[in-house]
Amino acid sequence: MKTVVITGATRGLGLATALQAVTEGYRVIAVGRNLSNELDQAIKQKPELLSFEQFDLSNVEKIHEFATYISKKYGRLWGLVNNAALGTDGVLATLHEKDIGQLIRVNVEAPILLSKYLLRPMLMNRAGRIINISSIIATTGFSGLSVYGATKAAMSGFTRSLSREVGKAGITVNTIAPGYMETDMTSGLQGEKLESIKRRSPLGHLAKAEDVAHAVTYLLSDKASNITGSTITVDAGSTA
């Protein structure tokens, strides 16, 4: 059975991805700051396939220790989905330095370090998958999300170069760039702002977290063995 770590898996896209991966037969280690009721209920239904590990990725100095613990407890991993991220918004001129630092720490430094340490068992297996969750904001931009956009663009650059480093070991590295989805992160979008985003889509609606989750599990599968260094956009066509 293939084991996959998914960060930020207690709600939203991370939870949808964890549930989809379990449905497809993966053993999932869901990582998050706090166990949500939804994840707890899912674990009770399939405890042999789904488990929760509490960790705050802003504690970057403890990521090595956490990765070692995961490897010892669960064995060699097949995949890592770097999904956890902060969505703090604010005009750069007034955004506090501590918020900028935390965005970079959680959205960039943490996934790079987690990949660094969880790659090691994949390299020993000469097989594996790393999937980084970016955003269409990395390429389109959005007012008030300059730092967030920078962190998500960093994930795309990280993916391309890392794919070249580990490809000969049979490990693929890819990025998924979701558009606006119906999640907690976009719950503040209402009225005309939400309608304008929907109108930008050729399909006339937002993508759902489940749509992105299907893309993730495709990249985890053997069917995607020749896809690496790529970005898959799931945005209901809004960037077309």
C-alpha atoms as a PDB file:
ATOM      1  CA  MET A   1       0.000   0.000   0.000  1.00  0.00           C
ATOM      2  CA  LYS A   2       1.361   3.415  -0.971  1.00  0.00           C
ATOM      3  CA  THR A   3       1.608   6.028   1.767  1.00  0.00           C
ATOM      4  CA  VAL A   4       1.105   9.731   1.090  1.00  0.00           C
ATOM      5  CA  VAL A   5       1.574  12.773   3.341  1.00  0.00           C
ATOM      6  CA  ILE A   6      -0.845  15.652   2.705  1.00  0.00           C
ATOM      7  CA  THR A   7      -0.312  18.917   4.562  1.00  0.00           C
ATOM      8  CA  GLY A   8      -3.133  21.268   5.461  1.00  0.00           C
ATOM      9  CA  ALA A   9      -5.467  18.292   5.263  1.00  0.00           C
ATOM     10  CA  THR A  10      -7.971  19.158   7.973  1.00  0.00           C
ATOM     11  CA  ARG A  11     -10.326  21.195   5.766  1.00  0.00           C
ATOM     12  CA  GLY A  12     -10.869  22.632   2.315  1.00  0.00           C
ATOM     13  CA  LEU A  13      -8.730  21.377  -0.539  1.00  0.00           C
ATOM     14  CA  GLY A  14      -6.418  19.356   1.710  1.00  0.00           C
ATOM     15  CA  LEU A  15      -9.306  17.443   3.251  1.00  0.00           C
ATOM     16  CA  ALA A  16     -10.922  16.840  -0.159  1.00  0.00           C
ATOM     17  CA  THR A  17      -7.596  15.515  -1.446  1.00  0.00           C
ATOM     18  CA  ALA A  18      -7.098  13.262   1.562  1.00  0.00           C
ATOM     19  CA  LEU A  19     -10.573  11.760   1.190  1.00  0.00           C
ATOM     20  CA  GLN A  20     -10.118  11.223  -2.552  1.00  0.00           C
ATOM     21  CA  ALA A  21      -6.727   9.576  -2.023  1.00  0.00           C
ATOM     22  CA  VAL A  22      -8.213   7.215   0.573  1.00  0.00           C
ATOM     23  CA  THR A  23     -11.017   6.358  -1.847  1.00  0.00           C
ATOM     24  CA  GLU A  24      -8.367   5.373  -4.394  1.00  0.00           C
ATOM     25  CA  GLY A  25      -6.598   3.097  -1.939  1.00  0.00           C
ATOM     26  CA  TYR A  26      -3.731   5.207  -0.615  1.00  0.00           C
ATOM     27  CA  ARG A  27      -2.800   5.297   3.038  1.00  0.00           C
ATOM     28  CA  VAL A  28      -2.952   8.987   3.930  1.00  0.00           C
ATOM     29  CA  ILE A  29      -1.174  10.859   6.691  1.00  0.00           C
ATOM     30  CA  ALA A  30      -3.137  14.090   7.108  1.00  0.00           C
ATOM     31  CA  VAL A  31      -1.046  16.867   8.633  1.00  0.00           C
ATOM     32  CA  GLY A  32      -2.545  19.974  10.209  1.00  0.00           C
ATOM     33  CA  ARG A  33      -2.474  22.287  13.191  1.00  0.00           C
ATOM     34  CA  ASN A  34      -5.720  20.979  14.714  1.00  0.00           C
ATOM     35  CA  LEU A  35      -7.933  17.975  14.075  1.00  0.00           C
ATOM     36  CA  SER A  36     -11.205  19.106  12.481  1.00  0.00           C
ATOM     37  CA  ASN A  37     -14.529  17.379  13.081  1.00  0.00           C
ATOM     38  CA  GLU A  38     -14.754  16.436   9.393  1.00  0.00           C
ATOM     39  CA  LEU A  39     -11.350  14.763   9.363  1.00  0.00           C
ATOM     40  CA  ASP A  40     -12.016  13.072  12.705  1.00  0.00           C
ATOM     41  CA  GLN A  41     -15.219  11.507  11.348  1.00  0.00           C
ATOM     42  CA  ALA A  42     -13.401  10.306   8.233  1.00  0.00           C
ATOM     43  CA  ILE A  43     -10.641   8.721  10.325  1.00  0.00           C
ATOM     44  CA  LYS A  44     -13.224   6.836  12.385  1.00  0.00           C
ATOM     45  CA  GLN A  45     -14.696   5.387   9.192  1.00  0.00           C
ATOM     46  CA  LYS A  46     -11.354   4.256   7.721  1.00  0.00           C
ATOM     47  CA  PRO A  47      -8.730   4.212  10.487  1.00  0.00           C
ATOM     48  CA  GLU A  48      -6.567   1.741   8.575  1.00  0.00           C
ATOM     49  CA  LEU A  49      -6.159   4.195   5.669  1.00  0.00           C
ATOM     50  CA  LEU A  50      -6.342   7.633   7.259  1.00  0.00           C
ATOM     51  CA  SER A  51      -4.483   9.096  10.213  1.00  0.00           C
ATOM     52  CA  PHE A  52      -3.798  12.563  11.600  1.00  0.00           C
ATOM     53  CA  GLU A  53      -0.489  14.040  12.691  1.00  0.00           C
ATOM     54  CA  GLN A  54      -0.505  17.420  14.394  1.00  0.00           C
ATOM     55  CA  PHE A  55       2.149  19.861  13.281  1.00  0.00           C
ATOM     56  CA  ASP A  56       2.382  23.618  12.722  1.00  0.00           C
ATOM     57  CA  LEU A  57       4.482  24.252   9.619  1.00  0.00           C
ATOM     58  CA  SER A  58       5.417  27.715  10.836  1.00  0.00           C
ATOM     59  CA  ASN A  59       7.807  25.857  13.186  1.00  0.00           C
ATOM     60  CA  VAL A  60      10.300  25.381  10.365  1.00  0.00           C
ATOM     61  CA  GLU A  61      13.143  24.602  12.754  1.00  0.00           C
ATOM     62  CA  LYS A  62      11.297  21.413  13.816  1.00  0.00           C
ATOM     63  CA  ILE A  63      10.475  20.110  10.330  1.00  0.00           C
ATOM     64  CA  HIS A  64      13.527  17.833  10.180  1.00  0.00           C
ATOM     65  CA  GLU A  65      12.507  16.218  13.474  1.00  0.00           C
ATOM     66  CA  PHE A  66       8.904  15.872  12.294  1.00  0.00           C
ATOM     67  CA  ALA A  67       9.929  14.294   8.971  1.00  0.00           C
ATOM     68  CA  THR A  68      12.153  11.788  10.779  1.00  0.00           C
ATOM     69  CA  TYR A  69       9.257  10.880  13.072  1.00  0.00           C
ATOM     70  CA  ILE A  70       6.921  10.363  10.090  1.00  0.00           C
ATOM     71  CA  SER A  71       9.417   8.126   8.297  1.00  0.00           C
ATOM     72  CA  LYS A  72      10.012   5.984  11.381  1.00  0.00           C
ATOM     73  CA  LYS A  73       6.327   5.620  12.219  1.00  0.00           C
ATOM     74  CA  TYR A  74       4.907   5.028   8.723  1.00  0.00           C
ATOM     75  CA  GLY A  75       7.823   3.685   6.698  1.00  0.00           C
ATOM     76  CA  ARG A  76       8.972   4.877   3.313  1.00  0.00           C
ATOM     77  CA  LEU A  77       6.610   7.265   1.594  1.00  0.00           C
ATOM     78  CA  TRP A  78       5.291   7.186  -1.937  1.00  0.00           C
ATOM     79  CA  GLY A  79       4.106  10.787  -2.080  1.00  0.00           C
ATOM     80  CA  LEU A  80       4.053  14.234  -0.533  1.00  0.00           C
ATOM     81  CA  VAL A  81       1.382  16.847  -1.273  1.00  0.00           C
ATOM     82  CA  ASN A  82       2.509  20.296  -0.140  1.00  0.00           C
ATOM     83  CA  ASN A  83      -0.918  21.869   0.238  1.00  0.00           C
ATOM     84  CA  ALA A  84      -0.763  23.835   3.513  1.00  0.00           C
ATOM     85  CA  ALA A  85      -0.532  27.584   2.986  1.00  0.00           C
ATOM     86  CA  LEU A  86      -1.538  30.903   4.463  1.00  0.00           C
ATOM     87  CA  GLY A  87      -3.771  33.186   2.410  1.00  0.00           C
ATOM     88  CA  THR A  88      -3.087  36.450   4.251  1.00  0.00           C
ATOM     89  CA  ASP A  89      -4.012  39.398   2.057  1.00  0.00           C
ATOM     90  CA  GLY A  90      -3.213  43.059   2.297  1.00  0.00           C
ATOM     91  CA  VAL A  91      -1.721  45.905   0.280  1.00  0.00           C
ATOM     92  CA  LEU A  92       2.066  45.568   0.451  1.00  0.00           C
ATOM     93  CA  ALA A  93       2.633  49.116   1.695  1.00  0.00           C
ATOM     94  CA  THR A  94       0.599  48.402   4.833  1.00  0.00           C
ATOM     95  CA  LEU A  95       1.234  44.673   5.302  1.00  0.00           C
ATOM     96  CA  HIS A  96       3.103  44.053   8.551  1.00  0.00           C
ATOM     97  CA  GLU A  97       6.615  42.602   8.258  1.00  0.00           C
ATOM     98  CA  LYS A  98       5.740  39.730  10.572  1.00  0.00           C
ATOM     99  CA  ASP A  99       2.879  38.741   8.252  1.00  0.00           C
ATOM    100  CA  ILE A 100       5.214  38.855   5.249  1.00  0.00           C
ATOM    101  CA  GLY A 101       7.723  36.675   7.086  1.00  0.00           C
ATOM    102  CA  GLN A 102       5.073  34.173   8.134  1.00  0.00           C
ATOM    103  CA  LEU A 103       3.713  33.886   4.582  1.00  0.00           C
ATOM    104  CA  ILE A 104       7.174  33.138   3.225  1.00  0.00           C
ATOM    105  CA  ARG A 105       7.944  30.740   6.073  1.00  0.00           C
ATOM    106  CA  VAL A 106       4.751  28.654   5.756  1.00  0.00           C
ATOM    107  CA  ASN A 107       4.185  28.893   1.991  1.00  0.00           C
ATOM    108  CA  VAL A 108       7.780  28.540   0.757  1.00  0.00           C
ATOM    109  CA  GLU A 109      10.334  27.521   3.367  1.00  0.00           C
ATOM    110  CA  ALA A 110       8.177  24.822   5.003  1.00  0.00           C
ATOM    111  CA  PRO A 111       7.317  22.874   1.811  1.00  0.00           C
ATOM    112  CA  ILE A 112      10.923  23.075   0.624  1.00  0.00           C
ATOM    113  CA  LEU A 113      12.230  21.686   3.919  1.00  0.00           C
ATOM    114  CA  LEU A 114       9.528  19.019   4.123  1.00  0.00           C
ATOM    115  CA  SER A 115      10.362  17.947   0.571  1.00  0.00           C
ATOM    116  CA  LYS A 116      14.072  17.885   1.420  1.00  0.00           C
ATOM    117  CA  TYR A 117      13.652  15.455   4.279  1.00  0.00           C
ATOM    118  CA  LEU A 118      10.786  13.306   2.969  1.00  0.00           C
ATOM    119  CA  LEU A 119      12.567  12.921  -0.381  1.00  0.00           C
ATOM    120  CA  ARG A 120      15.229  10.781   1.225  1.00  0.00           C
ATOM    121  CA  PRO A 121      13.107   7.622   1.585  1.00  0.00           C
ATOM    122  CA  MET A 122      11.773   8.168  -1.951  1.00  0.00           C
ATOM    123  CA  LEU A 123      15.340   8.320  -3.252  1.00  0.00           C
ATOM    124  CA  MET A 124      16.070   5.018  -1.485  1.00  0.00           C
ATOM    125  CA  ASN A 125      12.980   3.494  -3.131  1.00  0.00           C
ATOM    126  CA  ARG A 126      13.862   5.135  -6.466  1.00  0.00           C
ATOM    127  CA  ALA A 127      10.209   6.056  -6.844  1.00  0.00           C
ATOM    128  CA  GLY A 128       7.812   8.691  -5.572  1.00  0.00           C
ATOM    129  CA  ARG A 129       5.676  11.752  -6.140  1.00  0.00           C
ATOM    130  CA  ILE A 130       5.885  15.335  -4.922  1.00  0.00           C
ATOM    131  CA  ILE A 131       2.965  17.635  -5.707  1.00  0.00           C
ATOM    132  CA  ASN A 132       3.084  21.325  -4.838  1.00  0.00           C
ATOM    133  CA  ILE A 133      -0.148  23.287  -4.653  1.00  0.00           C
ATOM    134  CA  SER A 134       0.296  26.732  -6.181  1.00  0.00           C
ATOM    135  CA  SER A 135      -2.403  29.108  -7.442  1.00  0.00           C
ATOM    136  CA  ILE A 136      -3.388  30.919 -10.625  1.00  0.00           C
ATOM    137  CA  ILE A 137      -2.476  34.091  -8.692  1.00  0.00           C
ATOM    138  CA  ALA A 138       1.174  33.123  -9.298  1.00  0.00           C
ATOM    139  CA  THR A 139       0.748  34.072 -12.957  1.00  0.00           C
ATOM    140  CA  THR A 140      -2.312  36.344 -13.094  1.00  0.00           C
ATOM    141  CA  GLY A 141      -1.670  38.507 -10.043  1.00  0.00           C
ATOM    142  CA  PHE A 142      -4.371  39.975  -7.816  1.00  0.00           C
ATOM    143  CA  SER A 143      -4.515  43.254  -5.927  1.00  0.00           C
ATOM    144  CA  GLY A 144      -3.751  42.757  -2.246  1.00  0.00           C
ATOM    145  CA  LEU A 145      -2.104  39.369  -2.800  1.00  0.00           C
ATOM    146  CA  SER A 146       1.393  40.362  -3.923  1.00  0.00           C
ATOM    147  CA  VAL A 147       3.240  38.413  -1.221  1.00  0.00           C
ATOM    148  CA  TYR A 148       0.900  35.422  -1.475  1.00  0.00           C
ATOM    149  CA  GLY A 149       1.369  35.478  -5.260  1.00  0.00           C
ATOM    150  CA  ALA A 150       5.139  35.584  -4.842  1.00  0.00           C
ATOM    151  CA  THR A 151       5.085  32.536  -2.579  1.00  0.00           C
ATOM    152  CA  LYS A 152       2.944  30.586  -5.029  1.00  0.00           C
ATOM    153  CA  ALA A 153       5.176  31.541  -7.966  1.00  0.00           C
ATOM    154  CA  ALA A 154       8.107  30.251  -5.918  1.00  0.00           C
ATOM    155  CA  MET A 155       6.457  26.828  -5.796  1.00  0.00           C
ATOM    156  CA  SER A 156       6.382  26.640  -9.591  1.00  0.00           C
ATOM    157  CA  GLY A 157      10.090  27.455  -9.850  1.00  0.00           C
ATOM    158  CA  PHE A 158      10.873  24.968  -7.093  1.00  0.00           C
ATOM    159  CA  THR A 159       8.936  22.261  -8.936  1.00  0.00           C
ATOM    160  CA  ARG A 160      10.756  22.703 -12.235  1.00  0.00           C
ATOM    161  CA  SER A 161      14.268  22.571 -10.827  1.00  0.00           C
ATOM    162  CA  LEU A 162      13.586  19.813  -8.298  1.00  0.00           C
ATOM    163  CA  SER A 163      12.064  17.652 -11.036  1.00  0.00           C
ATOM    164  CA  ARG A 164      15.443  17.754 -12.807  1.00  0.00           C
ATOM    165  CA  GLU A 165      17.304  16.805  -9.631  1.00  0.00           C
ATOM    166  CA  VAL A 166      15.273  13.701  -8.811  1.00  0.00           C
ATOM    167  CA  GLY A 167      13.934  12.514 -12.163  1.00  0.00           C
ATOM    168  CA  LYS A 168      16.637   9.897 -12.667  1.00  0.00           C
ATOM    169  CA  ALA A 169      15.543   8.336  -9.372  1.00  0.00           C
ATOM    170  CA  GLY A 170      12.033   7.802 -10.723  1.00  0.00           C
ATOM    171  CA  ILE A 171      10.489  10.634  -8.693  1.00  0.00           C
ATOM    172  CA  THR A 172       8.140  13.106 -10.356  1.00  0.00           C
ATOM    173  CA  VAL A 173       7.559  16.648  -9.120  1.00  0.00           C
ATOM    174  CA  ASN A 174       4.605  18.693 -10.317  1.00  0.00           C
ATOM    175  CA  THR A 175       2.558  21.751  -9.459  1.00  0.00           C
ATOM    176  CA  ILE A 176      -1.202  22.182  -9.460  1.00  0.00           C
ATOM    177  CA  ALA A 177      -2.516  25.728  -9.797  1.00  0.00           C
ATOM    178  CA  PRO A 178      -6.133  25.945  -8.644  1.00  0.00           C
ATOM    179  CA  GLY A 179      -8.305  28.904  -9.467  1.00  0.00           C
ATOM    180  CA  TYR A 180     -10.850  30.328  -7.058  1.00  0.00           C
ATOM    181  CA  MET A 181     -12.644  27.481  -5.343  1.00  0.00           C
ATOM    182  CA  GLU A 182     -15.608  27.178  -3.039  1.00  0.00           C
ATOM    183  CA  THR A 183     -13.565  26.856   0.164  1.00  0.00           C
ATOM    184  CA  ASP A 184     -13.086  28.700   3.451  1.00  0.00           C
ATOM    185  CA  MET A 185     -10.355  30.801   1.819  1.00  0.00           C
ATOM    186  CA  THR A 186     -12.842  32.301  -0.657  1.00  0.00           C
ATOM    187  CA  SER A 187     -15.827  32.466   1.694  1.00  0.00           C
ATOM    188  CA  GLY A 188     -15.289  36.224   2.023  1.00  0.00           C
ATOM    189  CA  LEU A 189     -15.929  36.722  -1.677  1.00  0.00           C
ATOM    190  CA  GLN A 190     -19.557  37.685  -2.039  1.00  0.00           C
ATOM    191  CA  GLY A 191     -21.817  39.684  -4.290  1.00  0.00           C
ATOM    192  CA  GLU A 192     -20.429  41.368  -7.402  1.00  0.00           C
ATOM    193  CA  LYS A 193     -16.831  40.322  -6.711  1.00  0.00           C
ATOM    194  CA  LEU A 194     -17.808  36.657  -6.687  1.00  0.00           C
ATOM    195  CA  GLU A 195     -20.032  37.042  -9.741  1.00  0.00           C
ATOM    196  CA  SER A 196     -17.262  38.762 -11.707  1.00  0.00           C
ATOM    197  CA  ILE A 197     -14.935  35.830 -10.994  1.00  0.00           C
ATOM    198  CA  LYS A 198     -17.595  33.393 -12.152  1.00  0.00           C
ATOM    199  CA  ARG A 199     -18.183  35.419 -15.335  1.00  0.00           C
ATOM    200  CA  ARG A 200     -14.475  35.211 -16.151  1.00  0.00           C
ATOM    201  CA  SER A 201     -14.820  31.436 -16.396  1.00  0.00           C
ATOM    202  CA  PRO A 202     -15.968  30.011 -19.757  1.00  0.00           C
ATOM    203  CA  LEU A 203     -17.949  27.476 -17.717  1.00  0.00           C
ATOM    204  CA  GLY A 204     -19.639  30.167 -15.648  1.00  0.00           C
ATOM    205  CA  HIS A 205     -18.754  28.806 -12.221  1.00  0.00           C
ATOM    206  CA  LEU A 206     -15.902  28.211  -9.794  1.00  0.00           C
ATOM    207  CA  ALA A 207     -13.900  24.991  -9.699  1.00  0.00           C
ATOM    208  CA  LYS A 208     -14.542  22.800  -6.669  1.00  0.00           C
ATOM    209  CA  ALA A 209     -11.995  21.387  -4.269  1.00  0.00           C
ATOM    210  CA  GLU A 210     -12.947  17.901  -5.466  1.00  0.00           C
ATOM    211  CA  ASP A 211     -11.917  18.857  -9.017  1.00  0.00           C
ATOM    212  CA  VAL A 212      -8.435  19.740  -7.814  1.00  0.00           C
ATOM    213  CA  ALA A 213      -8.309  16.627  -5.623  1.00  0.00           C
ATOM    214  CA  HIS A 214      -8.870  14.453  -8.712  1.00  0.00           C
ATOM    215  CA  ALA A 215      -5.926  16.166 -10.407  1.00  0.00           C
ATOM    216  CA  VAL A 216      -3.745  15.467  -7.369  1.00  0.00           C
ATOM    217  CA  THR A 217      -4.608  11.770  -7.248  1.00  0.00           C
ATOM    218  CA  TYR A 218      -3.993  11.511 -10.992  1.00  0.00           C
ATOM    219  CA  LEU A 219      -0.464  12.868 -10.488  1.00  0.00           C
ATOM    220  CA  LEU A 220       0.033  10.435  -7.591  1.00  0.00           C
ATOM    221  CA  SER A 221      -0.902   7.501  -9.812  1.00  0.00           C
ATOM    222  CA  ASP A 222       1.215   5.369 -12.139  1.00  0.00           C
ATOM    223  CA  LYS A 223      -0.764   6.854 -15.041  1.00  0.00           C
ATOM    224  CA  ALA A 224       1.159  10.104 -14.549  1.00  0.00           C
ATOM    225  CA  SER A 225       4.607   8.492 -14.487  1.00  0.00           C
ATOM    226  CA  ASN A 226       5.803  10.575 -17.459  1.00  0.00           C
ATOM    227  CA  ILE A 227       4.531  13.925 -16.225  1.00  0.00           C
ATOM    228  CA  THR A 228       7.095  15.932 -14.271  1.00  0.00           C
ATOM    229  CA  GLY A 229       8.183  19.548 -13.952  1.00  0.00           C
ATOM    230  CA  SER A 230       4.708  20.595 -15.089  1.00  0.00           C
ATOM    231  CA  THR A 231       1.898  22.793 -13.829  1.00  0.00           C
ATOM    232  CA  ILE A 232      -1.710  21.671 -14.175  1.00  0.00           C
ATOM    233  CA  THR A 233      -4.257  24.472 -13.923  1.00  0.00           C
ATOM    234  CA  VAL A 234      -7.716  23.693 -12.511  1.00  0.00           C
ATOM    235  CA  ASP A 235      -9.716  26.899 -12.692  1.00  0.00           C
ATOM    236  CA  ALA A 236     -12.864  26.238 -14.769  1.00  0.00           C
ATOM    237  CA  GLY A 237     -11.064  28.009 -17.597  1.00  0.00           C
ATOM    238  CA  SER A 238     -10.838  31.458 -15.979  1.00  0.00           C
ATOM    239  CA  THR A 239      -7.248  31.969 -17.219  1.00  0.00           C
ATOM    240  CA  ALA A 240      -7.991  30.740 -20.755  1.00  0.00           C
END
